Structures are given as structure tokens and as C-alpha cells.
Amino acid sequence: MNKYLKYSLIGILVLGALWAAAFFIKSNSKSAITYETQKPFITNIEKKTVATGKVVPEDEIEIKPQISGIIDKIYLEEGVKVKAGDLIAVIKVVPNEQSLNQARGRVRNAELALNNIKIEYNRNKSLFDKGVISSQDFNSLQLQYDQAQQELSNAQADYQIIRRGSAGGSTTANTNIRATVDGTILEIPVEEGDQVIQSNNFNDGTTIATIADLSKMIFEGKVDEGEVAKLQIGTPLKISLGAVEGKELDAKLRFIAPKGVEETGAVQFKIEGDVEIQEDVFIRAGYSANASMVLEKKDSVMVIPEALLQFDKKTDKPYVEVAVGNVEDQKFERKDIEIGISDGVNVEIVSGITEEDLVKQWNKTEPIKKGEDGDEDGDEGSEDSEE
């Protein structure tokens, strides 16, 4: 009896072990990961790009002196609004000794010549009054006398220009530096006592002040060569300023450079846009800014989140996995798709799936599976496990 009891217990234990093994295999044959699904949906989609740059005045005018000298007095400061004709600074002329001496010599020579011709003129005038000399001879002498007077006047004017910077009533125009346009003084790069050089054919001259109208601002930025072909003059821009939070300015693209410049291995093209200044926002010249612009836009197209996309390891073509049968069965099949534009979040689906398909949503915590060659191959591994 003990013998049969012994064999019975052994048989029960064996059956129990077989049942436990079968249950373990069956429970582990089910996927430990449950995938959620999403349906494609219809929406509007825009492909945008962002150009970095800065906001600057449309025109900046540099005020330069008409004569060399030393800054004697500066009357205005940077940031002050000015009208055309407002006095900015005064220049004190420091004449060149050699030029001054030559001009003084010209004046003396002109005086001597005038005195000499004056004596001759007075002597012949009395003879002409008595009818001794002809009218033609006296007129010729009169011309020489007038020319000598004019030569003295010219020499004296040149001497005054070299000595004081200007002659007669033109003093204000040469030594007083005045604003030439209405606007705001952006910069005064000189100080009292600095030596300045006049603008001429061989030298740009020293800049006394820079003036600009801050109510007319433009955006200057650069875009990559891959995006510049999609831009058009008049494209709306949204300008966001780094120094002004929570504010966006409207602008319109007005210029696209015909030639690019290579920077760090990429070709960049300069763009400009007219900025619409808001009354409640004060824009300073040189603010860093970003311009957002729409490169392509489509209305009422079918899209899915970009996170649902997968790409074939060999062909690099996009595909998704769509639920087959009941979602609870967690069975999916691969469908190759054709995609269109993307806004960075959603991507347009041109063909391959319909609005009724349930697209597999990849879990972020899903373990990376390896193929037979030992390399990471999440795509092929997931397909094998589902099969």
C-alpha cells in the first residue's frame, strides 16, 4: 500500500510540474508590453523656419566734418532726438603753419600789386579826364586795376579759411557740426579734444555722430540655402526680440540676397524685412531677433504625430505599424507610407493609410531588441516578435 501511495504522490508531483510549466510558457508567450494606438486626423499644417539676426534702423547717417581740426565742444548726447540743423558740436581749427605762411605771402603780394596798379590807374585817370589818352587805353588799365582788387580779395579769403576754417558768413557751415536729418543720435564716437579729419576724395573723414530714425526699422538675418528657394518677397514674418519678452512684431520680407556667404561649412543668404513698430514697444538699434516665416502651408490634410513614424533601416523609407483585428490582440502589420510636409510635431500622410487605421504608438520605455547579428535592430526585432 505504501508502494502505491508513493507512486501516486510522484505522479501528482509530475503532473503538477507539467501544469506549472505549461502555465508559465502560456503566460510568457503574451507580450509584456501593451501598445496604444492613434488614428490619423485632419488639420492644417505649416512648415516654418526661423532666421536669426538683429533689428537695425533702415538708414544710419554718419555726420562728418568739412574741415580738419579739434573738437572744441560737444552739445548733445547719445539717445537725444534731433531735428535737421540742430547743433551737435563745434570744431576749433588748427591751421598748418606752412599753408598759413604761404597764404599770408599771397595776401602781401596781392597788396603790392594792387598798390602799384592803383598809382598807375590814378595817373592815367587824370590824363584820360584831360583827353590825353584814348578811352581804349584807359579801359584796359581799369580792367587791370579791378583784377588786382579781386586777387587781393581772394588771397585774403584763402588766408581766413586756413586761419579760421572759413571766410566771412560761411564760418557756421564749416566749424559748427549740425544734424543733417531728423532722428535719434545713436553714437558720438569722439570726445572733446579729439582731432578730426575732414571728408575728402582720399579719406572718409572722422565720424562725429551717427543719426537714425528709430521709427523705421528693418530685420537683418540669414537663412540656409536649403530654405532660401522657398522664400518670396512679401512673405509675412513674425519677429521676436530677445530683449522684449512676450511681444511679436509683424514684418514683411523685402530683400533676399542673390549671393550666399559660406559660414561654418554652410551657405547662408542675407534677408531683410520691414518691421512694423508698435507704439508701446521701444526698439533699440541692434536688438537680437528671430524671424519666423512660413515656407509651406496646407489646409485640411491628414496627419499623424511624427513620433509614430518608423524608417526602414535599409531603404530609409517611412512606415508605420497598423493594428490588425481587435486592438486587444496587440497584433500589428507594417504599412509603407508616403509623407509630405512636417511642422516638427505632426507630419502629412500622402498615402499608405486611411483615417480609420489604428497606428501603433511606440512606447518610450520599450527595450531595444537585437537581431541575429547582435546589432541593435528594434524594427526587425519587433516584427519577429509579433510574428
Protein backbone atom coordinates (compact mmCIF):
# COMPACT_ATOMS: atom_id res chain seq x y z
CA MET A 1 0.00 0.00 0.00
CA ASN A 2 2.85 2.31 0.83
CA LYS A 3 4.34 1.49 -2.52
CA TYR A 4 1.20 2.60 -4.41
CA LEU A 5 0.91 5.70 -2.28
CA LYS A 6 4.48 6.56 -3.08
CA TYR A 7 3.94 6.22 -6.83
CA SER A 8 0.73 8.22 -6.63
CA LEU A 9 2.48 11.10 -4.90
CA ILE A 10 5.23 11.04 -7.50
CA GLY A 11 2.65 11.10 -10.30
CA ILE A 12 0.82 14.02 -8.71
CA LEU A 13 4.05 15.94 -8.40
CA VAL A 14 4.97 15.27 -12.05
CA LEU A 15 1.53 16.38 -13.26
CA GLY A 16 1.75 19.48 -11.08
CA ALA A 17 5.15 20.34 -12.51
CA LEU A 18 3.91 19.84 -16.08
CA TRP A 19 0.85 22.03 -15.41
CA ALA A 20 3.02 24.76 -13.86
CA ALA A 21 5.41 24.65 -16.83
CA ALA A 22 2.54 24.88 -19.30
CA PHE A 23 1.02 27.80 -17.43
CA PHE A 24 4.40 29.58 -17.29
CA ILE A 25 5.00 29.10 -21.02
CA LYS A 26 1.49 30.24 -21.89
CA SER A 27 1.67 33.34 -19.69
CA ASN A 28 5.08 34.30 -21.03
CA SER A 29 4.03 33.84 -24.64
CA LYS A 30 1.92 37.00 -24.30
CA SER A 31 3.62 40.34 -24.85
CA ALA A 32 4.56 42.10 -21.64
CA ILE A 33 4.19 45.42 -23.42
CA THR A 34 0.81 46.85 -24.33
CA TYR A 35 0.88 49.29 -27.19
CA GLU A 36 -1.60 52.12 -27.51
CA THR A 37 -2.85 53.30 -30.89
CA GLN A 38 -3.77 56.59 -32.51
CA LYS A 39 -5.89 57.45 -35.52
CA PRO A 40 -4.79 59.88 -38.22
CA PHE A 41 -6.67 63.18 -38.12
CA ILE A 42 -7.38 66.16 -40.40
CA THR A 43 -5.82 69.53 -39.66
CA ASN A 44 -3.91 72.45 -41.17
CA ILE A 45 -0.14 72.16 -41.23
CA GLU A 46 2.59 74.72 -41.77
CA LYS A 47 6.27 74.22 -42.37
CA LYS A 48 8.19 77.06 -40.76
CA THR A 49 11.77 78.17 -40.45
CA VAL A 50 13.46 80.61 -38.11
CA ALA A 51 16.13 83.09 -39.18
CA THR A 52 18.39 84.64 -36.56
CA GLY A 53 19.56 88.21 -36.91
CA LYS A 54 19.00 91.67 -35.47
CA VAL A 55 16.77 94.72 -35.79
CA VAL A 56 18.54 97.82 -37.11
CA PRO A 57 17.47 101.24 -38.47
CA GLU A 58 16.68 101.35 -42.15
CA ASP A 59 19.13 104.24 -42.66
CA GLU A 60 22.03 105.36 -40.48
CA ILE A 61 23.55 108.73 -41.36
CA GLU A 62 27.15 109.48 -40.39
CA ILE A 63 27.90 113.16 -39.73
CA LYS A 64 31.43 114.10 -40.84
CA PRO A 65 33.29 117.45 -40.67
CA GLN A 66 34.00 119.61 -43.69
CA ILE A 67 37.29 120.77 -42.19
CA SER A 68 40.04 119.22 -40.09
CA GLY A 69 40.61 120.39 -36.54
CA ILE A 70 39.98 119.62 -32.88
CA ILE A 71 36.61 119.03 -31.20
CA ASP A 72 36.11 122.17 -29.11
CA LYS A 73 32.64 121.47 -27.67
CA ILE A 74 30.01 118.72 -27.86
CA TYR A 75 26.49 119.97 -27.12
CA LEU A 76 24.34 116.82 -27.38
CA GLU A 77 24.42 113.26 -26.02
CA GLU A 78 23.69 109.83 -27.45
CA GLY A 79 20.00 108.95 -27.43
CA VAL A 80 18.79 112.53 -27.94
CA LYS A 81 16.24 113.18 -30.68
CA VAL A 82 17.34 115.91 -33.09
CA LYS A 83 15.97 117.89 -36.00
CA ALA A 84 17.89 118.71 -39.15
CA GLY A 85 20.07 121.75 -38.40
CA ASP A 86 20.48 121.15 -34.65
CA LEU A 87 24.00 121.96 -33.43
CA ILE A 88 25.89 118.85 -32.31
CA ALA A 89 29.49 120.02 -31.88
CA VAL A 90 31.95 122.81 -32.72
CA ILE A 91 35.39 122.33 -34.25
CA LYS A 92 38.39 124.54 -33.47
CA VAL A 93 40.63 124.93 -36.49
CA VAL A 94 44.36 124.32 -36.02
CA PRO A 95 45.99 125.78 -39.16
CA ASN A 96 49.07 124.34 -40.81
CA GLU A 97 51.95 126.79 -40.34
CA GLN A 98 53.36 126.28 -43.81
CA SER A 99 50.00 126.77 -45.51
CA LEU A 100 49.29 129.78 -43.29
CA ASN A 101 52.60 131.39 -44.19
CA GLN A 102 52.04 130.80 -47.90
CA ALA A 103 48.56 132.33 -47.70
CA ARG A 104 49.94 135.35 -45.82
CA GLY A 105 52.56 135.78 -48.57
CA ARG A 106 49.87 135.68 -51.27
CA VAL A 107 47.98 138.45 -49.47
CA ARG A 108 51.13 140.62 -49.26
CA ASN A 109 51.92 140.07 -52.95
CA ALA A 110 48.36 140.97 -53.90
CA GLU A 111 48.55 144.15 -51.82
CA LEU A 112 51.82 145.20 -53.52
CA ALA A 113 50.41 144.52 -56.97
CA LEU A 114 47.24 146.46 -56.15
CA ASN A 115 49.18 149.45 -54.80
CA ASN A 116 51.32 149.53 -57.92
CA ILE A 117 48.41 149.35 -60.35
CA LYS A 118 46.48 151.89 -58.26
CA ILE A 119 49.24 154.52 -58.73
CA GLU A 120 49.26 153.86 -62.45
CA TYR A 121 45.46 153.96 -62.57
CA ASN A 122 45.24 157.33 -60.75
CA ARG A 123 47.89 158.92 -63.01
CA ASN A 124 46.19 157.75 -66.24
CA LYS A 125 42.74 158.71 -64.98
CA SER A 126 43.75 162.36 -64.76
CA LEU A 127 45.24 162.13 -68.26
CA PHE A 128 42.03 160.50 -69.54
CA ASP A 129 39.95 163.28 -67.98
CA LYS A 130 42.09 165.83 -69.89
CA GLY A 131 41.69 163.84 -73.15
CA VAL A 132 45.38 162.96 -73.41
CA ILE A 133 44.91 159.15 -73.63
CA SER A 134 42.28 157.22 -75.51
CA SER A 135 39.31 155.51 -73.94
CA GLN A 136 40.61 152.09 -75.03
CA ASP A 137 43.91 152.55 -73.16
CA PHE A 138 42.13 153.73 -70.03
CA ASN A 139 39.64 150.81 -70.12
CA SER A 140 42.49 148.32 -70.31
CA LEU A 141 44.09 149.94 -67.27
CA GLN A 142 40.73 149.93 -65.46
CA LEU A 143 40.49 146.14 -66.04
CA GLN A 144 43.94 145.54 -64.58
CA TYR A 145 43.04 147.60 -61.53
CA ASP A 146 39.81 145.65 -60.94
CA GLN A 147 41.62 142.32 -61.35
CA ALA A 148 44.23 143.36 -58.78
CA GLN A 149 41.45 144.19 -56.30
CA GLN A 150 39.80 140.82 -56.89
CA GLU A 151 43.11 138.97 -56.47
CA LEU A 152 43.65 140.67 -53.09
CA SER A 153 40.13 139.72 -52.00
CA ASN A 154 40.70 136.08 -53.00
CA ALA A 155 44.04 135.92 -51.19
CA GLN A 156 42.54 137.39 -48.03
CA ALA A 157 39.65 134.86 -48.15
CA ASP A 158 42.06 131.94 -48.56
CA TYR A 159 44.09 133.23 -45.65
CA GLN A 160 40.97 133.40 -43.43
CA ILE A 161 39.91 129.89 -44.44
CA ILE A 162 43.28 128.46 -43.47
CA ARG A 163 43.42 130.51 -40.27
CA ARG A 164 39.83 130.18 -39.01
CA GLY A 165 38.32 127.42 -41.10
CA SER A 166 36.06 129.58 -43.22
CA ALA A 167 35.71 133.06 -44.66
CA GLY A 168 33.07 135.61 -43.83
CA GLY A 169 29.50 134.31 -43.34
CA SER A 170 30.39 130.66 -44.07
CA THR A 171 32.00 130.20 -40.63
CA THR A 172 28.94 128.45 -39.18
CA ALA A 173 28.72 125.95 -42.04
CA ASN A 174 32.29 124.71 -41.65
CA THR A 175 33.20 124.75 -37.96
CA ASN A 176 29.74 124.01 -36.49
CA ILE A 177 28.69 120.37 -36.88
CA ARG A 178 24.93 120.14 -37.33
CA ALA A 179 22.43 117.31 -37.83
CA THR A 180 21.57 116.78 -41.48
CA VAL A 181 18.40 114.70 -40.90
CA ASP A 182 15.70 114.21 -38.25
CA GLY A 183 16.23 111.25 -35.95
CA THR A 184 17.96 109.95 -32.83
CA ILE A 185 21.68 110.21 -32.13
CA LEU A 186 22.84 106.58 -31.92
CA GLU A 187 26.52 107.21 -31.30
CA ILE A 188 29.03 110.00 -30.77
CA PRO A 189 32.38 108.22 -31.13
CA VAL A 190 34.52 111.33 -30.42
CA GLU A 191 35.20 113.40 -27.32
CA GLU A 192 36.16 116.99 -26.73
CA GLY A 193 39.81 117.46 -27.62
CA ASP A 194 39.88 114.70 -30.25
CA GLN A 195 41.45 115.57 -33.58
CA VAL A 196 39.19 115.04 -36.59
CA ILE A 197 39.85 114.85 -40.32
CA GLN A 198 37.63 116.33 -42.99
CA SER A 199 35.89 114.20 -45.58
CA ASN A 200 37.55 114.35 -48.99
CA ASN A 201 38.26 112.27 -52.09
CA PHE A 202 41.03 110.32 -50.36
CA ASN A 203 39.63 109.92 -46.85
CA ASP A 204 36.17 109.13 -45.48
CA GLY A 205 36.79 111.55 -42.66
CA THR A 206 36.15 111.21 -38.93
CA THR A 207 32.58 110.40 -37.89
CA ILE A 208 31.32 112.96 -35.38
CA ALA A 209 27.89 111.37 -34.83
CA THR A 210 25.57 108.68 -36.22
CA ILE A 211 21.88 109.56 -36.60
CA ALA A 212 18.98 107.24 -37.47
CA ASP A 213 15.19 107.29 -37.48
CA LEU A 214 14.16 104.58 -34.97
CA SER A 215 10.60 104.59 -36.27
CA LYS A 216 11.82 102.90 -39.47
CA MET A 217 13.44 99.61 -38.55
CA ILE A 218 14.31 96.53 -40.57
CA PHE A 219 15.19 92.95 -39.67
CA GLU A 220 18.52 91.67 -40.96
CA GLY A 221 19.10 87.93 -40.80
CA LYS A 222 20.37 84.88 -42.66
CA VAL A 223 18.72 81.69 -43.91
CA ASP A 224 20.18 78.41 -45.10
CA GLU A 225 20.47 77.64 -48.80
CA GLY A 226 18.04 74.74 -48.40
CA GLU A 227 15.26 77.14 -47.43
CA VAL A 228 16.00 80.31 -49.38
CA ALA A 229 14.46 78.93 -52.60
CA LYS A 230 11.07 78.66 -50.84
CA LEU A 231 11.03 82.32 -49.78
CA GLN A 232 9.27 85.07 -51.72
CA ILE A 233 9.34 88.86 -51.46
CA GLY A 234 6.39 89.94 -49.35
CA THR A 235 6.33 86.81 -47.17
CA PRO A 236 4.97 87.70 -43.69
CA LEU A 237 7.46 87.45 -40.81
CA LYS A 238 6.94 87.25 -37.08
CA ILE A 239 9.79 89.00 -35.23
CA SER A 240 10.53 88.06 -31.63
CA LEU A 241 13.08 90.15 -29.73
CA GLY A 242 15.41 88.72 -27.13
CA ALA A 243 15.23 91.92 -25.08
CA VAL A 244 11.42 92.23 -25.18
CA GLU A 245 9.61 89.19 -23.83
CA GLY A 246 6.07 88.30 -24.81
CA LYS A 247 6.00 90.62 -27.83
CA GLU A 248 5.96 89.75 -31.52
CA LEU A 249 6.34 92.30 -34.29
CA ASP A 250 4.92 91.91 -37.77
CA ALA A 251 7.23 92.31 -40.74
CA LYS A 252 7.34 91.65 -44.47
CA LEU A 253 10.24 90.20 -46.39
CA ARG A 254 11.64 92.84 -48.74
CA PHE A 255 15.07 91.56 -49.81
CA ILE A 256 16.77 88.21 -50.48
CA ALA A 257 20.48 88.31 -51.29
CA PRO A 258 21.34 86.96 -54.76
CA LYS A 259 24.66 85.63 -53.45
CA GLY A 260 25.31 83.46 -50.42
CA VAL A 261 28.19 83.50 -47.97
CA GLU A 262 29.74 80.32 -46.62
CA GLU A 263 29.77 80.15 -42.82
CA THR A 264 31.00 77.12 -40.88
CA GLY A 265 30.53 74.89 -43.91
CA ALA A 266 27.01 76.06 -44.78
CA VAL A 267 25.96 78.67 -47.33
CA GLN A 268 23.85 81.45 -45.79
CA PHE A 269 21.80 84.08 -47.63
CA LYS A 270 21.09 87.52 -46.18
CA ILE A 271 17.47 88.61 -45.92
CA GLU A 272 15.79 91.87 -44.88
CA GLY A 273 12.27 92.62 -43.73
CA ASP A 274 10.37 95.84 -43.00
CA VAL A 275 9.32 95.81 -39.33
CA GLU A 276 6.04 97.37 -38.17
CA ILE A 277 6.90 99.25 -34.99
CA GLN A 278 4.31 99.21 -32.20
CA GLU A 279 3.79 102.38 -30.20
CA ASP A 280 4.04 100.61 -26.85
CA VAL A 281 7.36 98.91 -27.70
CA PHE A 282 10.60 100.89 -27.79
CA ILE A 283 13.09 99.23 -30.12
CA ARG A 284 16.78 100.00 -29.75
CA ALA A 285 19.11 99.63 -32.70
CA GLY A 286 20.93 96.30 -32.73
CA TYR A 287 18.45 94.19 -30.71
CA SER A 288 18.98 90.49 -31.45
CA ALA A 289 15.88 88.95 -33.01
CA ASN A 290 14.45 85.80 -34.56
CA ALA A 291 12.18 85.88 -37.59
CA SER A 292 9.68 83.05 -38.01
CA MET A 293 8.36 82.56 -41.54
CA VAL A 294 6.08 80.03 -43.23
CA LEU A 295 7.82 78.11 -46.03
CA GLU A 296 4.86 75.92 -46.97
CA LYS A 297 1.27 75.59 -45.81
CA LYS A 298 -1.51 73.07 -46.46
CA ASP A 299 -5.08 73.14 -45.21
CA SER A 300 -7.26 70.16 -44.22
CA VAL A 301 -4.74 67.36 -44.73
CA MET A 302 -4.43 64.02 -42.95
CA VAL A 303 -1.59 63.91 -40.42
CA ILE A 304 -0.16 61.77 -37.65
CA PRO A 305 2.31 62.68 -34.90
CA GLU A 306 5.91 62.32 -36.06
CA ALA A 307 6.59 60.06 -33.08
CA LEU A 308 4.56 57.29 -34.77
CA LEU A 309 6.89 57.14 -37.77
CA GLN A 310 9.49 54.44 -38.30
CA PHE A 311 12.12 54.30 -41.02
CA ASP A 312 13.38 51.24 -42.80
CA LYS A 313 16.98 50.53 -41.90
CA LYS A 314 17.97 49.64 -45.47
CA THR A 315 15.85 51.90 -47.68
CA ASP A 316 15.31 54.72 -45.14
CA LYS A 317 11.68 54.90 -46.29
CA PRO A 318 8.98 55.72 -43.72
CA TYR A 319 6.43 53.21 -42.47
CA VAL A 320 4.00 52.70 -39.60
CA GLU A 321 2.51 49.66 -37.93
CA VAL A 322 -1.28 49.36 -38.03
CA ALA A 323 -3.43 47.26 -35.72
CA VAL A 324 -4.90 44.08 -37.28
CA GLY A 325 -8.22 42.82 -35.97
CA ASN A 326 -9.04 43.61 -32.37
CA VAL A 327 -6.76 46.11 -30.63
CA GLU A 328 -6.64 43.90 -27.53
CA ASP A 329 -4.93 41.20 -29.57
CA GLN A 330 -1.92 43.51 -29.96
CA LYS A 331 -1.25 42.35 -33.49
CA PHE A 332 0.19 44.84 -35.97
CA GLU A 333 1.27 44.83 -39.58
CA ARG A 334 3.70 47.11 -41.35
CA LYS A 335 2.44 49.62 -43.93
CA ASP A 336 4.72 51.71 -46.05
CA ILE A 337 3.56 55.31 -46.32
CA GLU A 338 4.34 58.47 -48.27
CA ILE A 339 4.75 61.59 -46.18
CA GLY A 340 4.53 65.31 -47.05
CA ILE A 341 5.41 68.42 -45.08
CA SER A 342 6.02 68.48 -41.34
CA ASP A 343 5.77 71.20 -38.71
CA GLY A 344 8.04 69.38 -36.28
CA VAL A 345 5.12 67.83 -34.37
CA ASN A 346 2.78 66.40 -36.99
CA VAL A 347 3.58 65.09 -40.44
CA GLU A 348 1.34 64.96 -43.51
CA ILE A 349 0.31 61.50 -44.76
CA VAL A 350 0.04 61.47 -48.55
CA SER A 351 -0.75 57.77 -48.99
CA GLY A 352 -0.45 54.36 -47.32
CA ILE A 353 -3.07 54.52 -44.56
CA THR A 354 -6.59 55.84 -44.01
CA GLU A 355 -8.30 57.82 -41.27
CA GLU A 356 -9.78 54.60 -39.84
CA ASP A 357 -6.45 52.84 -39.32
CA LEU A 358 -5.15 52.48 -35.77
CA VAL A 359 -1.47 53.34 -35.82
CA LYS A 360 0.83 51.78 -33.27
CA GLN A 361 2.23 54.19 -30.71
CA TRP A 362 5.76 53.26 -29.74
CA ASN A 363 6.37 53.21 -26.01
CA LYS A 364 9.27 55.28 -24.75
CA THR A 365 10.29 52.58 -22.26
CA GLU A 366 10.26 49.77 -24.82
CA PRO A 367 13.51 47.76 -24.62
CA ILE A 368 15.79 47.74 -27.64
CA LYS A 369 15.83 44.33 -29.28
CA LYS A 370 18.75 42.84 -31.11
CA GLY A 371 18.79 40.97 -34.36
CA GLU A 372 20.63 37.79 -35.12
CA ASP A 373 23.83 39.66 -35.90
CA GLY A 374 23.85 41.16 -32.41
CA ASP A 375 23.36 44.74 -33.62
CA GLU A 376 20.61 46.97 -32.31
CA ASP A 377 17.66 46.38 -34.61
CA GLY A 378 14.44 47.48 -32.98
CA ASP A 379 12.47 47.41 -36.26
CA GLU A 380 13.26 43.85 -37.28
CA GLY A 381 13.08 42.58 -33.72
CA SER A 382 9.59 43.95 -33.18
CA GLU A 383 8.36 42.35 -36.39
CA ASP A 384 9.82 38.95 -35.46
CA SER A 385 8.27 39.06 -32.03
CA GLU A 386 4.85 39.88 -33.43
CA GLU A 387 5.08 37.07 -35.94
